[in-house]
């Protein structure tokens, strides 16, 4: 079921790659020319220059070790190399849903990526696992953001800490962390944050301030992580966003959205490879249950 949804979400990316790959193998070419064109195709699909080069250099080495060098053999090796890129951080990828300890999750990302909806889906995932969730509506500068998160809280039947519109977002995080720590009844605190603040404030400094409040108010025995919601349609701009957010908030995982709207889903490879941040979740639809743990092998098989 999940793989079918994933294939549908990645249909545009797959169609784009299929056309380019078919052109590569349509005429008789030597192996070096084929690999050069594969590298160009990966770059054009937003895999990124450095990551595309790494994949194709490894592809060359692999091909030297075997006799089969036809289209099927090359694609099989290409899938392996691309899967290896995405799985490189798997050892460090904590499955926080299965953790038998309390945890606080800071959710970051620019406006328009689907952050609030993704929080709603994450909340559902945790409540299905038997966790008691508390939400914090710290996106106080975007009109309607608090109300949107309140709707998701109601749908999931969970509690929420809210402030007033234009209130200092960090003060909401302060109140939420205090409630989380002092009540002793919650397993998970999920904090929404702004993707853009009032022009007199700096977004990254505000997020850094929230992170410090969490570290101060939440004990070391509680698992903490920062999930960045990333819109796949942004391409290499997404990689730039991830780098900026990581510098201030130590992003520990990516939640990938809007794969069905783009032919350039390759950005995930450069983010994992260059920033060493694993993809943890993927949105596979608009409904509250349309969220899955990321599967690197299934992802690659769905596009090549």
Protein backbone atom coordinates (compact mmCIF):
# COMPACT_ATOMS: atom_id res chain seq x y z
CA UNK A 1 0.00 0.00 0.00
CA UNK A 2 2.75 2.43 1.02
CA UNK A 3 4.92 1.58 -1.99
CA UNK A 4 2.01 2.23 -4.36
CA UNK A 5 1.40 5.62 -2.76
CA UNK A 6 5.11 6.39 -2.92
CA UNK A 7 5.28 5.46 -6.61
CA UNK A 8 2.34 7.74 -7.31
CA UNK A 9 3.94 10.60 -5.36
CA UNK A 10 7.21 10.19 -7.25
CA UNK A 11 5.57 9.73 -10.65
CA UNK A 12 6.80 13.06 -12.05
CA UNK A 13 10.34 12.49 -10.85
CA UNK A 14 10.35 8.96 -12.30
CA UNK A 15 8.91 10.08 -15.66
CA UNK A 16 11.53 12.81 -15.94
CA UNK A 17 14.36 10.40 -15.14
CA UNK A 18 12.96 7.67 -17.41
CA UNK A 19 12.93 9.98 -20.43
CA UNK A 20 16.49 11.13 -19.78
CA UNK A 21 17.73 7.59 -19.11
CA UNK A 22 16.07 6.27 -22.27
CA UNK A 23 17.89 8.91 -24.30
CA UNK A 24 21.19 7.91 -22.71
CA UNK A 25 20.81 4.26 -23.69
CA UNK A 26 19.11 4.85 -27.07
CA UNK A 27 22.36 4.93 -29.04
CA UNK A 28 25.56 2.91 -28.91
CA UNK A 29 27.98 4.73 -26.60
CA UNK A 30 31.05 3.74 -24.65
CA UNK A 31 30.71 3.27 -20.89
CA UNK A 32 32.46 6.51 -20.00
CA UNK A 33 30.07 8.54 -22.15
CA UNK A 34 27.06 6.76 -20.60
CA UNK A 35 28.24 7.52 -17.06
CA UNK A 36 28.95 11.16 -17.96
CA UNK A 37 25.39 11.52 -19.23
CA UNK A 38 23.97 9.77 -16.15
CA UNK A 39 25.89 12.28 -14.02
CA UNK A 40 24.40 15.18 -15.99
CA UNK A 41 20.93 13.67 -15.62
CA UNK A 42 21.31 13.38 -11.85
CA UNK A 43 22.49 16.99 -11.58
CA UNK A 44 19.50 18.18 -13.63
CA UNK A 45 17.24 16.22 -11.27
CA UNK A 46 18.56 18.24 -8.32
CA UNK A 47 20.72 15.47 -6.87
CA UNK A 48 23.47 18.08 -6.64
CA UNK A 49 26.87 18.30 -8.33
CA UNK A 50 29.05 16.82 -5.58
CA UNK A 51 26.64 14.00 -4.79
CA UNK A 52 26.08 13.16 -8.47
CA UNK A 53 29.85 13.03 -8.98
CA UNK A 54 30.27 10.72 -5.98
CA UNK A 55 27.52 8.37 -7.22
CA UNK A 56 29.01 8.17 -10.72
CA UNK A 57 32.59 7.72 -9.52
CA UNK A 58 31.42 4.75 -7.46
CA UNK A 59 29.46 3.51 -10.46
CA UNK A 60 32.66 3.50 -12.55
CA UNK A 61 34.48 1.48 -9.88
CA UNK A 62 31.63 -1.01 -9.61
CA UNK A 63 31.44 -1.53 -13.38
CA UNK A 64 35.16 -2.33 -13.57
CA UNK A 65 34.57 -5.26 -11.22
CA UNK A 66 31.95 -7.01 -13.39
CA UNK A 67 31.50 -8.23 -16.96
CA UNK A 68 27.88 -7.09 -17.41
CA UNK A 69 27.77 -3.50 -18.63
CA UNK A 70 24.38 -3.32 -20.34
CA UNK A 71 21.53 -0.97 -19.42
CA UNK A 72 20.02 -3.36 -16.85
CA UNK A 73 23.37 -3.89 -15.12
CA UNK A 74 24.16 -0.17 -15.01
CA UNK A 75 20.72 0.72 -13.59
CA UNK A 76 21.03 -1.99 -10.94
CA UNK A 77 24.35 -0.56 -9.78
CA UNK A 78 22.99 2.98 -9.96
CA UNK A 79 20.11 2.04 -7.67
CA UNK A 80 22.59 0.48 -5.23
CA UNK A 81 24.79 3.59 -5.13
CA UNK A 82 21.81 5.94 -4.69
CA UNK A 83 20.37 3.75 -1.93
CA UNK A 84 23.75 3.68 -0.18
CA UNK A 85 23.80 7.50 -0.19
CA UNK A 86 20.40 7.65 1.55
CA UNK A 87 21.26 4.89 4.02
CA UNK A 88 24.63 6.29 5.06
CA UNK A 89 23.05 7.97 8.09
CA UNK A 90 20.76 5.08 9.00
CA UNK A 91 22.95 4.04 11.93
CA UNK A 92 22.42 7.43 13.57
CA UNK A 93 18.71 7.62 12.75
CA UNK A 94 16.89 7.23 16.05
CA UNK A 95 13.41 5.76 15.70
CA UNK A 96 11.90 8.21 18.15
CA UNK A 97 8.40 6.76 17.83
CA UNK A 98 9.58 3.51 19.39
CA UNK A 99 11.68 5.18 22.10
CA UNK A 100 10.51 4.28 25.59
CA UNK A 101 11.29 7.75 26.94
CA UNK A 102 9.83 11.23 26.91
CA UNK A 103 10.81 13.49 24.04
CA UNK A 104 10.58 17.03 22.69
CA UNK A 105 10.45 17.72 18.96
CA UNK A 106 11.08 21.17 17.48
CA UNK A 107 9.59 21.37 13.96
CA UNK A 108 11.19 23.94 11.66
CA UNK A 109 10.97 25.00 8.01
CA UNK A 110 10.07 27.98 5.86
CA UNK A 111 6.46 29.05 5.36
CA UNK A 112 4.54 27.13 2.71
CA UNK A 113 6.26 23.77 3.08
CA UNK A 114 3.30 22.18 4.89
CA UNK A 115 4.74 22.41 8.41
CA UNK A 116 1.44 22.59 10.31
CA UNK A 117 -0.09 19.71 8.33
CA UNK A 118 3.06 17.66 8.88
CA UNK A 119 2.78 18.27 12.64
CA UNK A 120 -0.79 17.01 12.49
CA UNK A 121 0.42 13.83 10.77
CA UNK A 122 3.31 13.38 13.21
CA UNK A 123 0.88 13.77 16.11
CA UNK A 124 -1.32 11.06 14.65
CA UNK A 125 1.68 8.75 14.25
CA UNK A 126 2.65 9.20 17.90
CA UNK A 127 -0.89 8.86 19.28
CA UNK A 128 -1.35 5.65 17.26
CA UNK A 129 1.79 4.38 19.00
CA UNK A 130 0.12 5.04 22.36
CA UNK A 131 1.96 8.25 23.21
CA UNK A 132 0.30 11.19 24.94
CA UNK A 133 1.15 14.31 22.90
CA UNK A 134 1.23 18.00 23.78
CA UNK A 135 1.42 20.60 21.00
CA UNK A 136 2.97 24.09 21.20
CA UNK A 137 1.71 26.74 18.75
CA UNK A 138 4.81 28.96 18.56
CA UNK A 139 4.19 30.23 15.01
CA UNK A 140 2.62 33.43 16.33
CA UNK A 141 3.48 35.73 13.41
CA UNK A 142 1.59 33.99 10.58
CA UNK A 143 -2.10 34.84 10.41
CA UNK A 144 -4.21 31.80 11.23
CA UNK A 145 -1.28 29.55 12.19
CA UNK A 146 -2.44 29.14 15.80
CA UNK A 147 -6.00 28.32 14.71
CA UNK A 148 -4.72 25.77 12.17
CA UNK A 149 -2.72 23.94 14.80
CA UNK A 150 -5.70 24.02 17.16
CA UNK A 151 -7.73 22.22 14.48
CA UNK A 152 -5.06 19.49 14.26
CA UNK A 153 -5.03 19.22 18.06
CA UNK A 154 -8.80 18.68 18.03
CA UNK A 155 -8.59 16.09 15.24
CA UNK A 156 -5.99 14.15 17.20
CA UNK A 157 -7.68 14.77 20.56
CA UNK A 158 -4.51 16.17 22.16
CA UNK A 159 -3.75 19.20 24.34
CA UNK A 160 -2.17 22.37 23.00
CA UNK A 161 -0.35 25.40 24.45
CA UNK A 162 -1.07 28.62 22.56
CA UNK A 163 -0.14 32.26 22.80
CA UNK A 164 -1.62 35.34 21.21
CA UNK A 165 -0.98 36.53 17.68
CA UNK A 166 2.34 38.50 17.48
CA UNK A 167 3.39 37.21 20.91
CA UNK A 168 7.08 36.37 21.36
CA UNK A 169 7.26 32.79 20.02
CA UNK A 170 9.95 31.82 22.54
CA UNK A 171 7.55 32.62 25.40
CA UNK A 172 5.12 30.00 24.03
CA UNK A 173 7.95 27.45 23.97
CA UNK A 174 8.78 28.42 27.56
CA UNK A 175 5.18 27.86 28.72
CA UNK A 176 4.90 24.59 26.79
CA UNK A 177 8.15 23.13 28.12
CA UNK A 178 7.14 24.06 31.67
CA UNK A 179 3.75 22.38 31.28
CA UNK A 180 5.39 19.32 29.71
CA UNK A 181 7.96 19.01 32.50
CA UNK A 182 5.72 19.80 35.46
CA UNK A 183 2.58 17.86 34.52
CA UNK A 184 4.37 14.53 34.14
CA UNK A 185 1.49 13.21 32.03
CA UNK A 186 2.83 13.78 28.51
CA UNK A 187 5.18 11.58 26.51
CA UNK A 188 5.87 13.90 23.57
CA UNK A 189 5.95 17.68 23.08
CA UNK A 190 5.81 18.82 19.43
CA UNK A 191 6.57 22.50 18.85
CA UNK A 192 5.45 24.44 15.78
CA UNK A 193 7.69 27.37 14.79
CA UNK A 194 7.58 30.31 12.40
CA UNK A 195 8.95 30.11 8.90
CA UNK A 196 9.06 33.88 8.66
CA UNK A 197 8.94 36.46 11.43
CA UNK A 198 8.10 40.14 11.66
CA UNK A 199 10.69 42.24 9.80
CA UNK A 200 12.18 43.54 13.07
CA UNK A 201 13.12 40.02 14.15
CA UNK A 202 15.56 37.50 12.77
CA UNK A 203 14.12 34.06 12.14
CA UNK A 204 17.26 32.06 12.82
CA UNK A 205 18.09 33.95 16.03
CA UNK A 206 14.54 33.35 17.28
CA UNK A 207 14.79 29.63 16.53
CA UNK A 208 18.14 29.47 18.30
CA UNK A 209 16.50 31.15 21.31
CA UNK A 210 13.74 28.50 21.32
CA UNK A 211 16.33 25.74 21.18
CA UNK A 212 18.14 27.21 24.21
CA UNK A 213 14.86 27.38 26.17
CA UNK A 214 14.16 23.73 25.39
CA UNK A 215 17.67 22.73 26.46
CA UNK A 216 17.31 24.73 29.69
CA UNK A 217 13.81 23.58 30.67
CA UNK A 218 14.01 19.97 29.51
CA UNK A 219 16.19 17.45 31.33
CA UNK A 220 19.01 15.52 29.69
CA UNK A 221 17.13 12.25 30.20
CA UNK A 222 14.52 13.42 27.67
CA UNK A 223 15.19 12.81 23.98
CA UNK A 224 15.31 16.03 21.93
CA UNK A 225 15.35 16.46 18.20
CA UNK A 226 14.68 18.99 15.48
CA UNK A 227 12.68 17.90 12.44
CA UNK A 228 12.86 20.10 9.35
CA UNK A 229 9.87 19.99 7.01
CA UNK A 230 11.18 20.29 3.46
CA UNK A 231 9.18 20.96 0.29
CA UNK A 232 10.63 18.73 -2.45
CA UNK A 233 9.63 21.24 -5.14
CA UNK A 234 12.22 23.74 -3.90
CA UNK A 235 15.08 21.70 -5.36
CA UNK A 236 18.56 22.86 -4.40
CA UNK A 237 17.03 25.82 -2.52
CA UNK A 238 15.88 23.16 -0.07
CA UNK A 239 19.48 22.12 0.49
CA UNK A 240 20.40 25.74 1.24
CA UNK A 241 17.46 26.02 3.67
CA UNK A 242 18.50 22.80 5.41
CA UNK A 243 22.05 24.10 5.86
CA UNK A 244 20.83 27.39 7.41
CA UNK A 245 18.39 25.69 9.79
CA UNK A 246 20.99 23.08 10.79
CA UNK A 247 23.50 25.76 11.77
CA UNK A 248 21.07 27.21 14.32
CA UNK A 249 18.93 24.30 15.46
CA UNK A 250 20.93 21.08 14.86
CA UNK A 251 18.39 19.50 12.52
CA UNK A 252 18.31 15.77 13.25
CA UNK A 253 15.89 14.63 10.56
CA UNK A 254 13.93 15.63 7.46
CA UNK A 255 10.18 15.34 6.84
CA UNK A 256 9.80 15.43 3.04
CA UNK A 257 6.56 16.86 1.57
CA UNK A 258 5.01 17.68 -1.83
CA UNK A 259 6.82 14.98 -3.79
CA UNK A 260 3.78 14.64 -6.03
CA UNK A 261 4.22 18.20 -7.31
CA UNK A 262 7.76 17.99 -8.64
CA UNK A 263 9.96 16.27 -11.21
CA UNK A 264 13.00 17.15 -9.10
CA UNK A 265 12.76 14.96 -6.02
CA UNK A 266 16.52 14.39 -6.13
CA UNK A 267 17.33 17.12 -3.61
CA UNK A 268 17.01 14.58 -0.81
CA UNK A 269 20.24 12.90 -1.94
CA UNK A 270 22.41 16.00 -1.64
CA UNK A 271 20.92 16.89 1.77
CA UNK A 272 21.64 13.45 3.21
CA UNK A 273 25.06 13.23 1.58
CA UNK A 274 26.38 16.73 2.22
CA UNK A 275 24.71 17.63 5.53
CA UNK A 276 24.58 14.12 7.01
CA UNK A 277 20.93 14.53 7.96
CA UNK A 278 18.69 11.46 7.54
CA UNK A 279 15.23 11.60 6.03
CA UNK A 280 12.88 10.30 8.72
CA UNK A 281 9.38 10.84 7.36
CA UNK A 282 7.67 11.28 4.04
CA UNK A 283 4.21 12.64 3.28
CA UNK A 284 2.32 10.41 0.84
CA UNK A 285 -0.99 12.28 0.62
CA UNK A 286 -3.23 14.93 2.16
CA UNK A 287 -4.97 12.84 4.82
CA UNK A 288 -3.95 12.69 8.47
CA UNK A 289 -2.71 9.10 8.08
CA UNK A 290 -0.70 9.85 4.94
CA UNK A 291 2.71 9.71 6.62
CA UNK A 292 5.30 6.96 6.53
CA UNK A 293 8.74 6.31 7.94
CA UNK A 294 11.23 6.87 5.15
CA UNK A 295 12.47 3.78 3.32
CA UNK A 296 15.59 4.51 1.24
CA UNK A 297 15.35 1.40 -0.93
CA UNK A 298 11.67 1.93 -1.73
CA UNK A 299 12.36 5.59 -2.53
CA UNK A 300 15.08 4.76 -5.06
CA UNK A 301 13.08 1.92 -6.61
CA UNK A 302 10.17 4.31 -7.10
CA UNK A 303 12.23 6.73 -9.23
CA UNK A 304 14.57 4.47 -11.23
